[in-house]
Amino acid sequence: MSASPPSTLCALLPALDPDLAAGVIGDLLAAIPCRPGHDDPATHAPGLVRRLAAMHPRDLEEAMLAMQFLAAHCGATRCAEAAAALDPAGKDASRLRRDAAVQQRVMASLRRALERSRMRPMLADPATGEVRPTVAPAAAERRRSAAPEQAEEAAEADKPWPPDDVFDGHPDLKALNDRWYSLPRWEDMTMEERRQTWGYKSETADAADDGQKATG
């Protein structure tokens, strides 16, 4: 087949500009080459493009996702076929089955991406007639409704802690809290400050105390 797909194949993707359709079809045929002895060269390319058209891509993004989905499907199928022709317990068969599983995971990821893309409503440009995806009203409304909540959460996070009224009726707790926050960090304390504050003694001090007790 020539580098430029026939116009009959490009016509199977009416949602795309002919040049864009030709590029997608060329990528599809490069990703899924005809297998000598297995595929009919006369029907290979039209069959692949019909599969792509059956997924009804609405724009270039969806066409590319659908093309990659078909390529991953073909890769998984061919790996499984090759594994079936080998000794099931052999290393080569195991490797091919793993490759098939990887391609299946790729298919699942592409399918989710395609489903998300299809959630976008399409809008025709009155001036040019070009159909483009637009932001879903529901999604825009969710973003607008979430904005006040996000602003409220940010304002709440900026408030000092603890709140001024948290110790109302608990003067002892307030005194303890004030003392706690007035202390320097453990890392910033001297050894003597640690001993006075936490009752901390180093191993050297403990050994000295033990020695004094022994001699006493």
Protein backbone atom coordinates (compact mmCIF):
# COMPACT_ATOMS: atom_id res chain seq x y z
CA MET A 1 0.00 0.00 0.00
CA SER A 2 1.23 3.49 -0.76
CA ALA A 3 2.30 5.89 1.96
CA SER A 4 -0.88 7.93 1.47
CA PRO A 5 -4.07 5.95 2.19
CA PRO A 6 -6.74 6.04 -0.52
CA SER A 7 -9.48 8.61 -0.12
CA THR A 8 -12.00 5.79 0.24
CA LEU A 9 -10.36 4.80 3.51
CA CYS A 10 -10.18 8.39 4.74
CA ALA A 11 -13.89 8.74 3.99
CA LEU A 12 -14.58 6.07 6.63
CA LEU A 13 -13.58 8.68 9.23
CA PRO A 14 -15.88 11.57 8.32
CA ALA A 15 -15.32 13.40 11.61
CA LEU A 16 -11.68 14.06 10.69
CA ASP A 17 -10.09 16.31 8.14
CA PRO A 18 -8.85 14.11 5.24
CA ASP A 19 -5.20 14.91 5.99
CA LEU A 20 -5.66 14.05 9.67
CA ALA A 21 -7.53 10.88 8.77
CA ALA A 22 -4.73 9.86 6.43
CA GLY A 23 -2.17 10.34 9.21
CA VAL A 24 -4.14 8.25 11.71
CA ILE A 25 -4.70 5.49 9.15
CA GLY A 26 -1.01 5.49 8.27
CA ASP A 27 -0.10 5.11 11.95
CA LEU A 28 -2.64 2.30 12.30
CA LEU A 29 -1.27 0.33 9.36
CA ALA A 30 2.30 0.83 10.58
CA ALA A 31 1.38 -0.40 14.07
CA ILE A 32 -0.51 -3.44 12.73
CA PRO A 33 1.33 -4.70 9.65
CA CYS A 34 -0.10 -7.40 7.42
CA ARG A 35 1.13 -10.90 8.35
CA PRO A 36 2.15 -12.93 5.32
CA GLY A 37 0.17 -16.14 5.18
CA HIS A 38 -2.34 -14.97 7.75
CA ASP A 39 -3.85 -11.71 6.53
CA ASP A 40 -5.33 -10.99 3.12
CA PRO A 41 -3.47 -7.93 1.78
CA ALA A 42 -6.56 -6.88 -0.16
CA THR A 43 -8.76 -6.66 2.94
CA HIS A 44 -6.20 -5.98 5.66
CA ALA A 45 -6.15 -2.17 5.47
CA PRO A 46 -9.90 -1.71 4.83
CA GLY A 47 -10.69 -4.11 7.66
CA LEU A 48 -8.53 -2.22 10.13
CA VAL A 49 -9.96 1.15 9.15
CA ARG A 50 -13.52 -0.20 9.43
CA ARG A 51 -12.69 -1.36 12.96
CA LEU A 52 -11.40 2.10 13.75
CA ALA A 53 -14.51 3.69 12.24
CA ALA A 54 -16.71 1.36 14.29
CA MET A 55 -15.38 3.05 17.43
CA HIS A 56 -16.86 6.36 16.12
CA PRO A 57 -14.04 8.78 16.95
CA ARG A 58 -15.36 12.34 17.06
CA ASP A 59 -12.05 14.15 16.72
CA LEU A 60 -8.32 13.56 16.35
CA GLU A 61 -7.79 12.81 20.04
CA GLU A 62 -10.40 10.06 20.08
CA ALA A 63 -9.15 8.67 16.76
CA MET A 64 -5.61 8.38 18.14
CA LEU A 65 -6.83 6.67 21.31
CA ALA A 66 -8.94 4.26 19.26
CA MET A 67 -5.99 3.53 16.95
CA GLN A 68 -3.74 2.76 19.92
CA PHE A 69 -6.46 0.56 21.43
CA LEU A 70 -6.65 -1.50 18.25
CA ALA A 71 -2.86 -1.78 18.09
CA ALA A 72 -2.72 -3.02 21.69
CA HIS A 73 -5.51 -5.49 20.98
CA CYS A 74 -3.66 -6.83 17.95
CA GLY A 75 -0.42 -7.09 19.92
CA ALA A 76 -2.12 -9.05 22.70
CA THR A 77 -3.79 -11.38 20.19
CA ARG A 78 -0.60 -12.08 18.27
CA CYS A 79 1.37 -12.75 21.46
CA ALA A 80 -1.30 -15.20 22.60
CA GLU A 81 -1.31 -16.93 19.22
CA ALA A 82 2.46 -17.26 19.22
CA ALA A 83 2.44 -18.62 22.80
CA ALA A 84 -0.18 -21.21 21.85
CA ALA A 85 2.14 -22.60 19.17
CA LEU A 86 4.92 -23.26 21.70
CA ASP A 87 5.44 -25.56 24.64
CA PRO A 88 3.09 -24.11 27.32
CA ALA A 89 5.71 -24.75 30.03
CA GLY A 90 8.55 -23.16 28.07
CA LYS A 91 10.14 -19.81 28.87
CA ASP A 92 9.29 -18.33 25.48
CA ALA A 93 5.61 -19.18 25.88
CA SER A 94 5.59 -17.65 29.36
CA ARG A 95 7.22 -14.48 28.09
CA LEU A 96 4.68 -14.18 25.28
CA ARG A 97 1.80 -14.64 27.70
CA ARG A 98 3.23 -11.90 29.92
CA ASP A 99 3.54 -9.61 26.92
CA ALA A 100 -0.09 -10.33 26.05
CA ALA A 101 -1.15 -9.45 29.59
CA VAL A 102 0.77 -6.16 29.39
CA GLN A 103 -1.01 -5.29 26.15
CA GLN A 104 -4.35 -6.07 27.78
CA ARG A 105 -3.57 -3.65 30.60
CA VAL A 106 -2.69 -1.03 28.01
CA MET A 107 -6.05 -1.69 26.35
CA ALA A 108 -7.87 -1.16 29.64
CA SER A 109 -6.06 2.15 30.23
CA LEU A 110 -6.81 3.36 26.70
CA ARG A 111 -10.45 2.36 27.03
CA ARG A 112 -10.79 4.46 30.18
CA ALA A 113 -9.10 7.41 28.45
CA LEU A 114 -11.45 7.05 25.50
CA GLU A 115 -14.49 6.93 27.77
CA ARG A 116 -13.36 10.11 29.52
CA SER A 117 -12.84 11.79 26.17
CA ARG A 118 -16.33 10.83 25.04
CA MET A 119 -17.83 12.58 28.04
CA ARG A 120 -16.89 15.91 26.47
CA PRO A 121 -19.81 17.50 24.61
CA MET A 122 -19.03 18.65 21.08
CA LEU A 123 -19.92 22.09 19.74
CA ALA A 124 -19.88 23.22 16.11
CA ASP A 125 -18.20 26.54 15.34
CA PRO A 126 -20.83 28.68 13.56
CA ALA A 127 -18.17 30.43 11.46
CA THR A 128 -16.21 27.43 10.22
CA GLY A 129 -18.50 24.51 10.95
CA GLU A 130 -15.65 22.76 12.74
CA VAL A 131 -16.78 20.54 15.57
CA ARG A 132 -14.74 20.90 18.73
CA PRO A 133 -15.07 19.55 22.27
CA THR A 134 -16.31 21.98 24.85
CA VAL A 135 -16.38 21.96 28.64
CA ALA A 136 -19.34 20.05 30.01
CA PRO A 137 -21.78 22.39 31.81
CA ALA A 138 -22.01 19.95 34.70
CA ALA A 139 -18.23 19.93 35.10
CA ALA A 140 -18.06 23.73 34.94
CA GLU A 141 -20.82 23.99 37.53
CA ARG A 142 -18.99 21.57 39.81
CA ARG A 143 -15.86 23.70 39.58
CA ARG A 144 -17.82 26.88 40.35
CA SER A 145 -19.60 25.27 43.29
CA ALA A 146 -16.33 23.89 44.64
CA ALA A 147 -14.60 27.28 44.55
CA PRO A 148 -16.34 28.71 47.68
CA GLU A 149 -15.67 25.48 49.57
CA GLN A 150 -12.00 25.58 48.65
CA ALA A 151 -11.77 29.23 49.71
CA GLU A 152 -13.45 28.36 53.03
CA GLU A 153 -11.04 25.48 53.61
CA ALA A 154 -8.06 27.71 52.86
CA ALA A 155 -9.34 30.38 55.28
CA GLU A 156 -9.87 27.73 57.95
CA ALA A 157 -6.34 26.45 57.45
CA ASP A 158 -4.94 29.96 57.93
CA LYS A 159 -6.53 30.33 61.36
CA PRO A 160 -4.09 30.04 64.28
CA TRP A 161 -4.08 26.92 66.37
CA PRO A 162 -5.27 26.45 68.98
CA PRO A 163 -8.37 28.65 68.64
CA ASP A 164 -8.78 31.41 71.22
CA ASP A 165 -11.79 29.75 72.86
CA VAL A 166 -10.47 26.21 73.01
CA PHE A 167 -9.30 26.63 76.64
CA ASP A 168 -12.38 28.50 77.90
CA GLY A 169 -13.16 27.13 81.34
CA HIS A 170 -9.85 25.24 81.46
CA PRO A 171 -7.21 27.64 82.83
CA ASP A 172 -4.90 24.79 83.81
CA LEU A 173 -4.86 23.50 80.24
CA LYS A 174 -4.18 26.99 78.92
CA ALA A 175 -1.22 27.39 81.28
CA LEU A 176 0.11 24.00 80.22
CA ASN A 177 -0.33 24.88 76.55
CA ASP A 178 1.42 28.23 76.95
CA ARG A 179 4.30 26.56 78.74
CA TRP A 180 4.56 23.89 76.04
CA TYR A 181 4.76 26.40 73.19
CA SER A 182 7.23 28.55 75.12
CA LEU A 183 9.70 25.67 75.30
CA PRO A 184 12.46 25.49 72.69
CA ARG A 185 12.57 22.50 70.42
CA TRP A 186 14.30 19.37 71.70
CA GLU A 187 17.02 19.79 69.08
CA ASP A 188 17.67 23.39 70.19
CA MET A 189 17.96 22.62 73.92
CA THR A 190 21.23 22.31 75.73
CA MET A 191 21.90 19.15 77.71
CA GLU A 192 21.15 20.96 80.95
CA GLU A 193 17.83 22.29 79.59
CA ARG A 194 16.86 18.78 78.57
CA ARG A 195 17.60 17.47 82.04
CA GLN A 196 15.62 20.24 83.73
CA THR A 197 12.67 19.99 81.36
CA TRP A 198 12.36 16.29 80.70
CA GLY A 199 14.40 14.71 83.43
CA TYR A 200 16.78 13.55 80.72
CA LYS A 201 20.15 12.11 81.65
CA SER A 202 22.82 11.03 79.25
CA GLU A 203 24.42 7.61 79.52
CA THR A 204 27.53 9.30 80.96
CA ALA A 205 25.47 10.96 83.70
CA ASP A 206 23.69 7.69 84.46
CA ALA A 207 27.04 5.90 84.77
CA ALA A 208 28.34 8.63 87.10
CA ASP A 209 25.24 8.33 89.28
CA ASP A 210 25.64 4.56 89.41
CA GLY A 211 29.30 4.99 90.40
CA GLN A 212 28.40 7.39 93.20
CA LYS A 213 25.78 5.00 94.53
CA ALA A 214 28.28 2.14 94.42
CA THR A 215 30.95 4.08 96.32
CA GLY A 216 28.41 5.45 98.78
